[in-house]
PDB file of N, CA and C in Angstrom:
ATOM      1  N   MET A   1      56.973  34.822  64.972  1.00  0.00           N
ATOM      2  CA  MET A   1      56.331  35.976  65.963  1.00  0.00           C
ATOM      3  C   MET A   1      56.394  34.677  67.154  1.00  0.00           C
ATOM      4  N   ARG A   2      56.620  35.876  68.665  1.00  0.00           N
ATOM      5  CA  ARG A   2      56.774  35.483  69.963  1.00  0.00           C
ATOM      6  C   ARG A   2      55.588  35.797  70.311  1.00  0.00           C
ATOM      7  N   LYS A   3      54.886  35.125  71.431  1.00  0.00           N
ATOM      8  CA  LYS A   3      53.877  34.989  72.279  1.00  0.00           C
ATOM      9  C   LYS A   3      53.780  36.301  72.831  1.00  0.00           C
ATOM     10  N   GLY A   4      53.055  37.359  72.769  1.00  0.00           N
ATOM     11  CA  GLY A   4      53.080  38.239  73.555  1.00  0.00           C
ATOM     12  C   GLY A   4      53.236  39.919  73.346  1.00  0.00           C
ATOM     13  N   VAL A   5      53.627  39.679  71.661  1.00  0.00           N
ATOM     14  CA  VAL A   5      54.219  40.340  71.300  1.00  0.00           C
ATOM     15  C   VAL A   5      53.476  40.204  70.644  1.00  0.00           C
ATOM     16  N   SER A   6      53.292  42.328  70.215  1.00  0.00           N
ATOM     17  CA  SER A   6      52.036  43.086  68.828  1.00  0.00           C
ATOM     18  C   SER A   6      52.830  42.767  67.483  1.00  0.00           C
ATOM     19  N   VAL A   7      51.718  42.153  66.643  1.00  0.00           N
ATOM     20  CA  VAL A   7      52.450  42.134  65.726  1.00  0.00           C
ATOM     21  C   VAL A   7      51.479  43.517  64.776  1.00  0.00           C
ATOM     22  N   TYR A   8      52.102  44.439  63.936  1.00  0.00           N
ATOM     23  CA  TYR A   8      51.494  45.297  63.436  1.00  0.00           C
ATOM     24  C   TYR A   8      51.518  45.075  61.821  1.00  0.00           C
ATOM     25  N   ARG A   9      50.456  44.954  61.064  1.00  0.00           N
ATOM     26  CA  ARG A   9      50.242  45.303  59.727  1.00  0.00           C
ATOM     27  C   ARG A   9      50.248  46.545  58.836  1.00  0.00           C
ATOM     28  N   VAL A  10      50.605  47.037  58.196  1.00  0.00           N
ATOM     29  CA  VAL A  10      50.837  48.193  58.160  1.00  0.00           C
ATOM     30  C   VAL A  10      50.529  48.281  56.388  1.00  0.00           C
ATOM     31  N   ASP A  11      50.389  48.749  55.984  1.00  0.00           N
ATOM     32  CA  ASP A  11      49.628  48.851  54.657  1.00  0.00           C
ATOM     33  C   ASP A  11      50.329  51.003  54.006  1.00  0.00           C
ATOM     34  N   LYS A  12      50.388  50.688  53.070  1.00  0.00           N
ATOM     35  CA  LYS A  12      50.609  51.895  53.027  1.00  0.00           C
ATOM     36  C   LYS A  12      50.200  52.023  51.045  1.00  0.00           C
ATOM     37  N   PHE A  13      49.841  53.517  50.543  1.00  0.00           N
ATOM     38  CA  PHE A  13      48.880  52.855  49.466  1.00  0.00           C
ATOM     39  C   PHE A  13      49.628  54.190  48.722  1.00  0.00           C
ATOM     40  N   VAL A  14      50.376  54.456  47.309  1.00  0.00           N
ATOM     41  CA  VAL A  14      49.852  55.222  46.006  1.00  0.00           C
ATOM     42  C   VAL A  14      48.290  55.202  46.345  1.00  0.00           C
ATOM     43  N   VAL A  15      47.529  56.232  45.707  1.00  0.00           N
ATOM     44  CA  VAL A  15      46.337  56.810  45.767  1.00  0.00           C
ATOM     45  C   VAL A  15      45.746  57.769  45.044  1.00  0.00           C
ATOM     46  N   PRO A  16      45.830  57.627  43.270  1.00  0.00           N
ATOM     47  CA  PRO A  16      45.493  59.113  42.721  1.00  0.00           C
ATOM     48  C   PRO A  16      43.826  59.569  43.382  1.00  0.00           C
ATOM     49  N   ALA A  17      43.480  60.886  43.006  1.00  0.00           N
ATOM     50  CA  ALA A  17      42.713  61.826  43.925  1.00  0.00           C
ATOM     51  C   ALA A  17      41.222  61.479  43.008  1.00  0.00           C
ATOM     52  N   ALA A  18      41.433  61.007  41.756  1.00  0.00           N
ATOM     53  CA  ALA A  18      40.248  60.156  41.446  1.00  0.00           C
ATOM     54  C   ALA A  18      40.131  59.336  41.947  1.00  0.00           C
ATOM     55  N   ALA A  19      40.356  58.142  43.121  1.00  0.00           N
ATOM     56  CA  ALA A  19      40.144  57.357  42.628  1.00  0.00           C
ATOM     57  C   ALA A  19      40.132  57.390  44.862  1.00  0.00           C
ATOM     58  N   ARG A  20      40.100  58.214  46.086  1.00  0.00           N
ATOM     59  CA  ARG A  20      40.818  58.352  46.604  1.00  0.00           C
ATOM     60  C   ARG A  20      39.275  58.594  47.870  1.00  0.00           C
ATOM     61  N   GLU A  21      37.722  58.607  47.575  1.00  0.00           N
ATOM     62  CA  GLU A  21      36.782  58.283  47.825  1.00  0.00           C
ATOM     63  C   GLU A  21      36.248  57.182  47.309  1.00  0.00           C
ATOM     64  N   GLU A  22      36.361  56.338  46.612  1.00  0.00           N
ATOM     65  CA  GLU A  22      36.110  54.581  46.564  1.00  0.00           C
ATOM     66  C   GLU A  22      36.796  53.809  47.473  1.00  0.00           C
ATOM     67  N   PHE A  23      38.252  54.350  47.223  1.00  0.00           N
ATOM     68  CA  PHE A  23      39.258  53.587  47.760  1.00  0.00           C
ATOM     69  C   PHE A  23      38.943  53.654  49.262  1.00  0.00           C
ATOM     70  N   LEU A  24      39.237  55.081  49.944  1.00  0.00           N
ATOM     71  CA  LEU A  24      38.217  55.301  51.355  1.00  0.00           C
ATOM     72  C   LEU A  24      37.582  54.112  51.975  1.00  0.00           C
ATOM     73  N   ARG A  25      36.949  54.151  51.388  1.00  0.00           N
ATOM     74  CA  ARG A  25      35.083  53.434  51.625  1.00  0.00           C
ATOM     75  C   ARG A  25      35.123  52.211  51.705  1.00  0.00           C
ATOM     76  N   ARG A  26      36.283  51.402  50.638  1.00  0.00           N
ATOM     77  CA  ARG A  26      36.049  50.181  50.791  1.00  0.00           C
ATOM     78  C   ARG A  26      37.363  50.249  52.142  1.00  0.00           C
ATOM     79  N   VAL A  27      38.252  50.547  51.956  1.00  0.00           N
ATOM     80  CA  VAL A  27      39.253  50.361  53.422  1.00  0.00           C
ATOM     81  C   VAL A  27      38.893  50.386  54.788  1.00  0.00           C
ATOM     82  N   GLU A  28      37.450  51.453  54.791  1.00  0.00           N
ATOM     83  CA  GLU A  28      36.687  51.618  55.836  1.00  0.00           C
ATOM     84  C   GLU A  28      35.746  50.423  55.696  1.00  0.00           C
ATOM     85  N   GLU A  29      35.420  50.180  54.918  1.00  0.00           N
ATOM     86  CA  GLU A  29      33.575  49.180  55.005  1.00  0.00           C
ATOM     87  C   GLU A  29      34.705  47.174  55.609  1.00  0.00           C
ATOM     88  N   THR A  30      36.179  47.387  54.680  1.00  0.00           N
ATOM     89  CA  THR A  30      37.076  46.135  55.136  1.00  0.00           C
ATOM     90  C   THR A  30      38.004  46.333  56.605  1.00  0.00           C
ATOM     91  N   HIS A  31      38.191  47.700  57.795  1.00  0.00           N
ATOM     92  CA  HIS A  31      38.529  47.669  58.896  1.00  0.00           C
ATOM     93  C   HIS A  31      37.324  47.129  59.702  1.00  0.00           C
ATOM     94  N   GLN A  32      36.047  48.255  58.743  1.00  0.00           N
ATOM     95  CA  GLN A  32      34.715  47.212  60.103  1.00  0.00           C
ATOM     96  C   GLN A  32      34.914  46.337  60.428  1.00  0.00           C
ATOM     97  N   LEU A  33      35.493  45.116  60.197  1.00  0.00           N
ATOM     98  CA  LEU A  33      35.261  43.625  59.951  1.00  0.00           C
ATOM     99  C   LEU A  33      36.641  43.741  60.168  1.00  0.00           C
ATOM    100  N   LEU A  34      37.786  43.914  59.814  1.00  0.00           N
ATOM    101  CA  LEU A  34      38.448  43.730  60.970  1.00  0.00           C
ATOM    102  C   LEU A  34      38.141  44.173  62.765  1.00  0.00           C
ATOM    103  N   ARG A  35      38.071  45.180  62.770  1.00  0.00           N
ATOM    104  CA  ARG A  35      37.397  46.018  64.513  1.00  0.00           C
ATOM    105  C   ARG A  35      36.689  44.697  65.516  1.00  0.00           C
ATOM    106  N   ARG A  36      35.720  43.313  64.455  1.00  0.00           N
ATOM    107  CA  ARG A  36      35.254  42.556  65.107  1.00  0.00           C
ATOM    108  C   ARG A  36      36.143  40.943  65.225  1.00  0.00           C
ATOM    109  N   GLN A  37      37.441  41.498  63.980  1.00  0.00           N
ATOM    110  CA  GLN A  37      37.852  39.635  64.298  1.00  0.00           C
ATOM    111  C   GLN A  37      38.412  39.803  65.936  1.00  0.00           C
ATOM    112  N   PRO A  38      38.828  37.919  66.412  1.00  0.00           N
ATOM    113  CA  PRO A  38      39.300  38.019  67.265  1.00  0.00           C
ATOM    114  C   PRO A  38      40.772  38.382  67.095  1.00  0.00           C
ATOM    115  N   GLY A  39      41.656  39.221  68.201  1.00  0.00           N
ATOM    116  CA  GLY A  39      42.939  39.686  67.718  1.00  0.00           C
ATOM    117  C   GLY A  39      43.623  40.108  67.609  1.00  0.00           C
ATOM    118  N   PHE A  40      42.180  41.680  67.091  1.00  0.00           N
ATOM    119  CA  PHE A  40      42.390  42.568  66.695  1.00  0.00           C
ATOM    120  C   PHE A  40      42.485  43.665  68.236  1.00  0.00           C
ATOM    121  N   ILE A  41      43.049  44.394  68.117  1.00  0.00           N
ATOM    122  CA  ILE A  41      43.533  45.467  69.240  1.00  0.00           C
ATOM    123  C   ILE A  41      43.464  46.710  68.861  1.00  0.00           C
ATOM    124  N   ARG A  42      43.715  47.714  68.003  1.00  0.00           N
ATOM    125  CA  ARG A  42      43.349  49.338  67.586  1.00  0.00           C
ATOM    126  C   ARG A  42      43.742  48.932  66.054  1.00  0.00           C
ATOM    127  N   ASP A  43      43.377  49.437  65.991  1.00  0.00           N
ATOM    128  CA  ASP A  43      43.503  50.277  63.853  1.00  0.00           C
ATOM    129  C   ASP A  43      43.853  52.219  63.630  1.00  0.00           C
ATOM    130  N   ALA A  44      44.413  52.209  62.516  1.00  0.00           N
ATOM    131  CA  ALA A  44      44.454  53.923  62.169  1.00  0.00           C
ATOM    132  C   ALA A  44      44.039  53.849  61.076  1.00  0.00           C
ATOM    133  N   ILE A  45      43.387  54.484  60.513  1.00  0.00           N
ATOM    134  CA  ILE A  45      43.640  54.721  58.772  1.00  0.00           C
ATOM    135  C   ILE A  45      44.544  56.465  58.473  1.00  0.00           C
ATOM    136  N   LEU A  46      44.943  56.232  58.069  1.00  0.00           N
ATOM    137  CA  LEU A  46      46.406  57.471  58.047  1.00  0.00           C
ATOM    138  C   LEU A  46      45.869  58.557  56.334  1.00  0.00           C
ATOM    139  N   GLU A  47      46.127  59.371  56.236  1.00  0.00           N
ATOM    140  CA  GLU A  47      46.569  60.872  55.251  1.00  0.00           C
ATOM    141  C   GLU A  47      47.292  61.413  55.576  1.00  0.00           C
ATOM    142  N   GLN A  48      48.117  61.051  54.436  1.00  0.00           N
ATOM    143  CA  GLN A  48      49.375  61.945  53.935  1.00  0.00           C
ATOM    144  C   GLN A  48      48.498  63.964  54.328  1.00  0.00           C
ATOM    145  N   VAL A  49      49.000  64.683  55.102  1.00  0.00           N
ATOM    146  CA  VAL A  49      49.290  66.053  54.853  1.00  0.00           C
ATOM    147  C   VAL A  49      49.791  66.668  54.482  1.00  0.00           C
ATOM    148  N   SER A  50      51.695  65.718  54.947  1.00  0.00           N
ATOM    149  CA  SER A  50      52.271  66.680  54.556  1.00  0.00           C
ATOM    150  C   SER A  50      53.581  65.725  54.283  1.00  0.00           C
ATOM    151  N   GLY A  51      55.292  66.293  53.959  1.00  0.00           N
ATOM    152  CA  GLY A  51      56.328  65.175  53.520  1.00  0.00           C
ATOM    153  C   GLY A  51      56.520  64.970  52.243  1.00  0.00           C
ATOM    154  N   PRO A  52      57.743  64.667  52.183  1.00  0.00           N
ATOM    155  CA  PRO A  52      58.118  64.062  50.300  1.00  0.00           C
ATOM    156  C   PRO A  52      57.513  63.173  49.618  1.00  0.00           C
ATOM    157  N   GLY A  53      57.323  62.275  51.154  1.00  0.00           N
ATOM    158  CA  GLY A  53      57.316  60.566  51.101  1.00  0.00           C
ATOM    159  C   GLY A  53      56.093  60.414  49.827  1.00  0.00           C
ATOM    160  N   ARG A  54      56.149  59.222  49.222  1.00  0.00           N
ATOM    161  CA  ARG A  54      54.729  59.421  47.458  1.00  0.00           C
ATOM    162  C   ARG A  54      53.684  58.253  48.788  1.00  0.00           C
ATOM    163  N   PHE A  55      53.614  57.194  49.907  1.00  0.00           N
ATOM    164  CA  PHE A  55      52.573  56.638  49.981  1.00  0.00           C
ATOM    165  C   PHE A  55      51.794  58.042  50.895  1.00  0.00           C
ATOM    166  N   ASN A  56      50.218  58.340  50.045  1.00  0.00           N
ATOM    167  CA  ASN A  56      49.500  59.175  50.723  1.00  0.00           C
ATOM    168  C   ASN A  56      48.311  58.563  51.202  1.00  0.00           C
ATOM    169  N   ILE A  57      48.029  57.218  51.513  1.00  0.00           N
ATOM    170  CA  ILE A  57      47.195  56.848  52.642  1.00  0.00           C
ATOM    171  C   ILE A  57      48.666  55.665  53.820  1.00  0.00           C
ATOM    172  N   VAL A  58      47.957  55.459  53.972  1.00  0.00           N
ATOM    173  CA  VAL A  58      48.428  54.352  55.007  1.00  0.00           C
ATOM    174  C   VAL A  58      47.419  53.953  56.328  1.00  0.00           C
ATOM    175  N   THR A  59      47.338  52.626  56.209  1.00  0.00           N
ATOM    176  CA  THR A  59      46.392  51.806  57.552  1.00  0.00           C
ATOM    177  C   THR A  59      47.338  51.100  58.649  1.00  0.00           C
ATOM    178  N   ILE A  60      47.035  50.597  59.732  1.00  0.00           N
ATOM    179  CA  ILE A  60      47.882  50.399  60.950  1.00  0.00           C
ATOM    180  C   ILE A  60      46.935  49.296  61.719  1.00  0.00           C
ATOM    181  N   ALA A  61      47.173  47.817  61.140  1.00  0.00           N
ATOM    182  CA  ALA A  61      46.288  47.419  62.982  1.00  0.00           C
ATOM    183  C   ALA A  61      47.426  46.299  63.523  1.00  0.00           C
ATOM    184  N   GLU A  62      47.069  46.561  64.451  1.00  0.00           N
ATOM    185  CA  GLU A  62      47.684  45.917  66.032  1.00  0.00           C
ATOM    186  C   GLU A  62      47.276  44.798  65.768  1.00  0.00           C
ATOM    187  N   TRP A  63      47.779  43.264  66.067  1.00  0.00           N
ATOM    188  CA  TRP A  63      47.094  42.165  66.208  1.00  0.00           C
ATOM    189  C   TRP A  63      48.014  42.024  67.344  1.00  0.00           C
ATOM    190  N   GLU A  64      47.028  40.492  68.076  1.00  0.00           N
ATOM    191  CA  GLU A  64      47.138  40.381  69.525  1.00  0.00           C
ATOM    192  C   GLU A  64      49.133  38.809  69.155  1.00  0.00           C
ATOM    193  N   SER A  65      48.562  38.387  67.140  1.00  0.00           N
ATOM    194  CA  SER A  65      49.395  37.680  66.693  1.00  0.00           C
ATOM    195  C   SER A  65      49.517  37.112  65.554  1.00  0.00           C
ATOM    196  N   GLN A  66      50.359  36.630  64.892  1.00  0.00           N
ATOM    197  CA  GLN A  66      50.402  36.407  63.336  1.00  0.00           C
ATOM    198  C   GLN A  66      49.336  35.061  62.998  1.00  0.00           C
ATOM    199  N   GLU A  67      48.966  34.762  63.775  1.00  0.00           N
ATOM    200  CA  GLU A  67      47.628  33.840  64.200  1.00  0.00           C
ATOM    201  C   GLU A  67      46.201  34.591  63.766  1.00  0.00           C
ATOM    202  N   ALA A  68      46.361  35.506  64.532  1.00  0.00           N
ATOM    203  CA  ALA A  68      45.437  36.441  64.499  1.00  0.00           C
ATOM    204  C   ALA A  68      44.808  36.820  63.750  1.00  0.00           C
ATOM    205  N   ILE A  69      46.069  37.855  63.120  1.00  0.00           N
ATOM    206  CA  ILE A  69      46.296  37.771  61.342  1.00  0.00           C
ATOM    207  C   ILE A  69      45.545  37.376  60.235  1.00  0.00           C
ATOM    208  N   ASP A  70      45.802  36.078  60.249  1.00  0.00           N
ATOM    209  CA  ASP A  70      45.893  35.329  58.762  1.00  0.00           C
ATOM    210  C   ASP A  70      43.850  34.401  59.198  1.00  0.00           C
ATOM    211  N   ALA A  71      43.817  34.855  60.813  1.00  0.00           N
ATOM    212  CA  ALA A  71      42.483  34.169  60.996  1.00  0.00           C
ATOM    213  C   ALA A  71      41.638  35.060  60.411  1.00  0.00           C
ATOM    214  N   ALA A  72      42.164  36.707  60.492  1.00  0.00           N
ATOM    215  CA  ALA A  72      40.719  37.983  59.355  1.00  0.00           C
ATOM    216  C   ALA A  72      41.963  37.530  58.370  1.00  0.00           C
ATOM    217  N   ARG A  73      42.018  37.402  57.684  1.00  0.00           N
ATOM    218  CA  ARG A  73      42.655  37.560  55.888  1.00  0.00           C
ATOM    219  C   ARG A  73      41.457  36.660  55.693  1.00  0.00           C
ATOM    220  N   THR A  74      41.408  35.811  56.219  1.00  0.00           N
ATOM    221  CA  THR A  74      40.521  34.420  56.187  1.00  0.00           C
ATOM    222  C   THR A  74      39.187  34.955  55.708  1.00  0.00           C
ATOM    223  N   VAL A  75      38.840  35.430  57.286  1.00  0.00           N
ATOM    224  CA  VAL A  75      37.276  36.251  57.272  1.00  0.00           C
ATOM    225  C   VAL A  75      37.083  36.629  56.255  1.00  0.00           C
ATOM    226  N   VAL A  76      38.177  38.277  56.101  1.00  0.00           N
ATOM    227  CA  VAL A  76      37.578  39.737  54.631  1.00  0.00           C
ATOM    228  C   VAL A  76      38.497  38.934  53.765  1.00  0.00           C
ATOM    229  N   SER A  77      38.712  38.001  53.559  1.00  0.00           N
ATOM    230  CA  SER A  77      38.965  37.256  52.249  1.00  0.00           C
ATOM    231  C   SER A  77      37.436  36.563  51.894  1.00  0.00           C
ATOM    232  N   LYS A  78      36.558  35.807  52.297  1.00  0.00           N
ATOM    233  CA  LYS A  78      35.277  35.411  52.483  1.00  0.00           C
ATOM    234  C   LYS A  78      34.194  36.373  51.715  1.00  0.00           C
ATOM    235  N   ALA A  79      34.615  37.466  53.455  1.00  0.00           N
ATOM    236  CA  ALA A  79      33.920  38.939  52.686  1.00  0.00           C
ATOM    237  C   ALA A  79      33.677  39.063  50.945  1.00  0.00           C
ATOM    238  N   HIS A  80      34.707  39.392  51.068  1.00  0.00           N
ATOM    239  CA  HIS A  80      35.328  40.055  49.546  1.00  0.00           C
ATOM    240  C   HIS A  80      34.111  39.018  49.159  1.00  0.00           C
ATOM    241  N   VAL A  81      34.638  38.141  48.379  1.00  0.00           N
ATOM    242  CA  VAL A  81      34.098  37.308  48.073  1.00  0.00           C
ATOM    243  C   VAL A  81      32.580  37.243  47.966  1.00  0.00           C
ATOM    244  N   GLU A  82      32.037  37.384  48.685  1.00  0.00           N
ATOM    245  CA  GLU A  82      30.339  37.033  49.408  1.00  0.00           C
ATOM    246  C   GLU A  82      29.575  38.781  48.411  1.00  0.00           C
ATOM    247  N   ARG A  83      30.738  39.623  48.776  1.00  0.00           N
ATOM    248  CA  ARG A  83      30.500  41.307  47.778  1.00  0.00           C
ATOM    249  C   ARG A  83      30.622  41.325  46.749  1.00  0.00           C
ATOM    250  N   GLY A  84      31.435  40.004  46.192  1.00  0.00           N
ATOM    251  CA  GLY A  84      31.502  40.264  44.717  1.00  0.00           C
ATOM    252  C   GLY A  84      32.680  41.375  44.788  1.00  0.00           C
ATOM    253  N   PHE A  85      33.563  41.806  45.283  1.00  0.00           N
ATOM    254  CA  PHE A  85      34.941  42.722  45.953  1.00  0.00           C
ATOM    255  C   PHE A  85      36.223  41.591  45.530  1.00  0.00           C
ATOM    256  N   ASP A  86      36.697  41.853  44.067  1.00  0.00           N
ATOM    257  CA  ASP A  86      38.292  42.003  44.418  1.00  0.00           C
ATOM    258  C   ASP A  86      38.916  42.788  43.964  1.00  0.00           C
ATOM    259  N   PRO A  87      40.211  43.125  45.312  1.00  0.00           N
ATOM    260  CA  PRO A  87      41.077  44.064  45.758  1.00  0.00           C
ATOM    261  C   PRO A  87      41.772  44.395  44.879  1.00  0.00           C
ATOM    262  N   GLN A  88      42.527  43.348  44.085  1.00  0.00           N
ATOM    263  CA  GLN A  88      42.626  43.359  43.315  1.00  0.00           C
ATOM    264  C   GLN A  88      42.912  43.992  41.430  1.00  0.00           C
ATOM    265  N   GLU A  89      41.238  42.982  41.263  1.00  0.00           N
ATOM    266  CA  GLU A  89      41.252  44.124  39.942  1.00  0.00           C
ATOM    267  C   GLU A  89      41.205  45.813  40.878  1.00  0.00           C
ATOM    268  N   THR A  90      40.371  46.069  41.423  1.00  0.00           N
ATOM    269  CA  THR A  90      39.500  47.558  42.195  1.00  0.00           C
ATOM    270  C   THR A  90      41.272  48.215  41.794  1.00  0.00           C
ATOM    271  N   MET A  91      42.455  47.655  42.700  1.00  0.00           N
ATOM    272  CA  MET A  91      44.180  48.179  42.733  1.00  0.00           C
ATOM    273  C   MET A  91      43.782  48.906  41.307  1.00  0.00           C
ATOM    274  N   ARG A  92      43.730  47.123  40.351  1.00  0.00           N
ATOM    275  CA  ARG A  92      44.399  48.286  39.281  1.00  0.00           C
ATOM    276  C   ARG A  92      43.537  48.555  38.281  1.00  0.00           C
ATOM    277  N   ARG A  93      42.218  49.074  38.255  1.00  0.00           N
ATOM    278  CA  ARG A  93      41.884  49.369  37.812  1.00  0.00           C
ATOM    279  C   ARG A  93      41.461  51.343  37.736  1.00  0.00           C
ATOM    280  N   LEU A  94      42.275  51.875  39.314  1.00  0.00           N
ATOM    281  CA  LEU A  94      42.193  52.598  39.731  1.00  0.00           C
ATOM    282  C   LEU A  94      43.385  53.147  40.273  1.00  0.00           C
ATOM    283  N   SER A  95      44.525  52.001  39.140  1.00  0.00           N
ATOM    284  CA  SER A  95      45.675  53.088  38.956  1.00  0.00           C
ATOM    285  C   SER A  95      46.685  52.735  40.601  1.00  0.00           C
ATOM    286  N   ILE A  96      46.056  52.306  41.656  1.00  0.00           N
ATOM    287  CA  ILE A  96      46.144  52.829  43.323  1.00  0.00           C
ATOM    288  C   ILE A  96      48.180  51.954  43.605  1.00  0.00           C
ATOM    289  N   GLU A  97      48.734  51.554  43.956  1.00  0.00           N
ATOM    290  CA  GLU A  97      50.179  50.728  44.509  1.00  0.00           C
ATOM    291  C   GLU A  97      50.302  50.590  45.693  1.00  0.00           C
ATOM    292  N   ALA A  98      50.847  49.661  45.715  1.00  0.00           N
ATOM    293  CA  ALA A  98      50.330  48.481  47.379  1.00  0.00           C
ATOM    294  C   ALA A  98      52.147  48.322  47.937  1.00  0.00           C
ATOM    295  N   ASP A  99      52.445  48.943  49.013  1.00  0.00           N
ATOM    296  CA  ASP A  99      53.554  47.935  50.282  1.00  0.00           C
ATOM    297  C   ASP A  99      52.658  47.607  51.065  1.00  0.00           C
ATOM    298  N   ILE A 100      52.910  46.421  51.579  1.00  0.00           N
ATOM    299  CA  ILE A 100      52.430  45.368  52.791  1.00  0.00           C
ATOM    300  C   ILE A 100      53.225  44.556  52.953  1.00  0.00           C
ATOM    301  N   ALA A 101      52.942  45.379  54.063  1.00  0.00           N
ATOM    302  CA  ALA A 101      54.142  43.896  55.415  1.00  0.00           C
ATOM    303  C   ALA A 101      53.378  43.360  56.374  1.00  0.00           C
ATOM    304  N   ASN A 102      54.039  42.690  57.682  1.00  0.00           N
ATOM    305  CA  ASN A 102      53.674  42.946  59.230  1.00  0.00           C
ATOM    306  C   ASN A 102      54.514  43.093  59.554  1.00  0.00           C
ATOM    307  N   TYR A 103      55.200  43.880  60.623  1.00  0.00           N
ATOM    308  CA  TYR A 103      56.453  44.561  61.453  1.00  0.00           C
ATOM    309  C   TYR A 103      55.617  43.661  63.190  1.00  0.00           C
ATOM    310  N   ARG A 104      56.821  43.927  63.536  1.00  0.00           N
ATOM    311  CA  ARG A 104      56.559  43.802  64.597  1.00  0.00           C
ATOM    312  C   ARG A 104      57.399  44.909  65.934  1.00  0.00           C
ATOM    313  N   PRO A 105      57.416  45.218  66.963  1.00  0.00           N
ATOM    314  CA  PRO A 105      58.331  46.245  67.670  1.00  0.00           C
ATOM    315  C   PRO A 105      59.798  46.292  67.900  1.00  0.00           C
ATOM    316  N   VAL A 106      60.445  47.070  68.042  1.00  0.00           N
ATOM    317  CA  VAL A 106      62.484  46.932  67.401  1.00  0.00           C
ATOM    318  C   VAL A 106      62.539  46.616  69.422  1.00  0.00           C
ATOM    319  N   GLY A 107      63.296  45.453  68.763  1.00  0.00           N
ATOM    320  CA  GLY A 107      63.784  45.064  70.502  1.00  0.00           C
ATOM    321  C   GLY A 107      62.805  44.222  71.255  1.00  0.00           C
ATOM    322  N   GLU A 108      62.128  43.438  70.802  1.00  0.00           N
ATOM    323  CA  GLU A 108      60.774  42.580  71.833  1.00  0.00           C
ATOM    324  C   GLU A 108      61.230  40.866  70.769  1.00  0.00           C
TER     325      GLU A 108
END
Protein backbone atom coordinates (compact mmCIF):
# COMPACT_ATOMS: atom_id res chain seq x y z
CA MET A 1 0.00 0.00 0.00
CA ARG A 2 1.31 3.45 -0.88
CA LYS A 3 2.12 5.98 1.80
CA GLY A 4 -0.51 8.67 2.35
CA VAL A 5 -3.42 6.47 1.28
CA SER A 6 -5.78 5.31 4.02
CA VAL A 7 -6.41 1.62 4.53
CA TYR A 8 -9.89 0.52 5.59
CA ARG A 9 -10.48 -2.56 7.67
CA VAL A 10 -14.00 -3.78 6.81
CA ASP A 11 -15.47 -6.63 8.85
CA LYS A 12 -18.87 -7.99 7.83
CA PHE A 13 -20.80 -10.37 10.06
CA VAL A 14 -23.89 -12.54 9.98
CA VAL A 15 -25.03 -12.32 13.60
CA PRO A 16 -28.05 -14.33 14.81
CA ALA A 17 -30.54 -12.30 16.85
CA ALA A 18 -29.78 -14.30 20.00
CA ALA A 19 -26.07 -13.40 19.72
CA ARG A 20 -26.52 -9.69 18.95
CA GLU A 21 -26.14 -8.22 22.44
CA GLU A 22 -23.02 -10.19 23.41
CA PHE A 23 -21.44 -9.69 20.00
CA LEU A 24 -21.99 -5.91 19.96
CA ARG A 25 -20.63 -5.60 23.50
CA ARG A 26 -17.41 -7.36 22.41
CA VAL A 27 -17.16 -5.27 19.24
CA GLU A 28 -17.52 -2.04 21.24
CA GLU A 29 -14.84 -3.18 23.72
CA THR A 30 -12.46 -3.88 20.84
CA HIS A 31 -13.22 -0.60 19.07
CA GLN A 32 -12.61 1.37 22.27
CA LEU A 33 -9.10 -0.08 22.26
CA LEU A 34 -8.61 0.49 18.52
CA ARG A 35 -9.56 4.17 18.84
CA ARG A 36 -6.54 4.73 21.11
CA GLN A 37 -3.98 3.20 18.72
CA PRO A 38 -1.45 5.16 16.66
CA GLY A 39 -2.57 5.55 13.05
CA PHE A 40 -6.28 5.17 13.82
CA ILE A 41 -8.40 7.75 11.97
CA ARG A 42 -12.07 6.86 12.50
CA ASP A 43 -14.51 3.98 12.69
CA ALA A 44 -18.15 3.00 12.40
CA ILE A 45 -20.17 0.10 13.76
CA LEU A 46 -23.18 -0.39 11.50
CA GLU A 47 -26.31 -2.54 11.68
CA GLN A 48 -28.39 -3.39 8.62
CA VAL A 49 -31.89 -1.91 8.67
CA SER A 50 -33.10 -2.89 5.19
CA GLY A 51 -32.05 -4.67 2.02
CA PRO A 52 -31.43 -8.24 0.98
CA GLY A 53 -27.80 -8.58 2.13
CA ARG A 54 -26.98 -11.36 4.55
CA PHE A 55 -24.40 -9.42 6.60
CA ASN A 56 -26.32 -7.62 9.32
CA ILE A 57 -23.41 -6.05 11.22
CA VAL A 58 -20.51 -4.24 9.53
CA THR A 59 -17.56 -2.51 11.17
CA ILE A 60 -15.24 -0.14 9.35
CA ALA A 61 -12.01 1.31 10.68
CA GLU A 62 -9.90 3.78 8.72
CA TRP A 63 -6.15 3.64 9.33
CA GLU A 64 -3.19 5.70 8.17
CA SER A 65 -1.34 2.61 6.93
CA GLN A 66 -1.17 -1.17 6.84
CA GLU A 67 1.58 -0.93 9.45
CA ALA A 68 -0.83 0.81 11.82
CA ILE A 69 -3.37 -2.00 11.31
CA ASP A 70 -0.71 -4.63 11.97
CA ALA A 71 0.44 -2.89 15.17
CA ALA A 72 -3.15 -2.50 16.38
CA ARG A 73 -3.83 -6.19 15.69
CA THR A 74 -0.95 -7.10 18.02
CA VAL A 75 -2.30 -4.83 20.79
CA VAL A 76 -5.84 -6.22 20.42
CA SER A 77 -4.61 -9.84 20.42
CA LYS A 78 -2.69 -9.20 23.64
CA ALA A 79 -5.72 -7.56 25.26
CA HIS A 80 -7.93 -10.49 24.28
CA VAL A 81 -5.49 -12.93 25.89
CA GLU A 82 -5.33 -10.81 29.06
CA ARG A 83 -9.15 -10.78 29.24
CA GLY A 84 -9.43 -14.51 28.52
CA PHE A 85 -11.41 -13.73 25.37
CA ASP A 86 -11.09 -16.03 22.35
CA PRO A 87 -12.82 -14.36 19.37
CA GLN A 88 -12.83 -17.50 17.19
CA GLU A 89 -14.37 -19.61 19.94
CA THR A 90 -16.98 -16.94 20.62
CA MET A 91 -17.92 -16.71 16.95
CA ARG A 92 -18.27 -20.51 16.75
CA ARG A 93 -20.33 -20.64 19.95
CA LEU A 94 -22.64 -17.84 18.76
CA SER A 95 -22.85 -19.17 15.16
CA ILE A 96 -21.50 -15.92 13.71
CA GLU A 97 -20.12 -15.87 10.17
CA ALA A 98 -17.51 -13.29 9.18
CA ASP A 99 -15.97 -11.79 6.05
CA ILE A 100 -12.93 -9.71 6.98
CA ALA A 101 -10.58 -7.80 4.69
CA ASN A 102 -8.58 -4.61 4.20
CA TYR A 103 -9.47 -2.15 1.46
CA ARG A 104 -8.08 1.05 -0.06
CA PRO A 105 -9.85 3.71 -2.11
CA VAL A 106 -10.20 2.92 -5.81
CA GLY A 107 -7.91 4.93 -8.04
CA GLU A 108 -5.46 6.02 -5.37
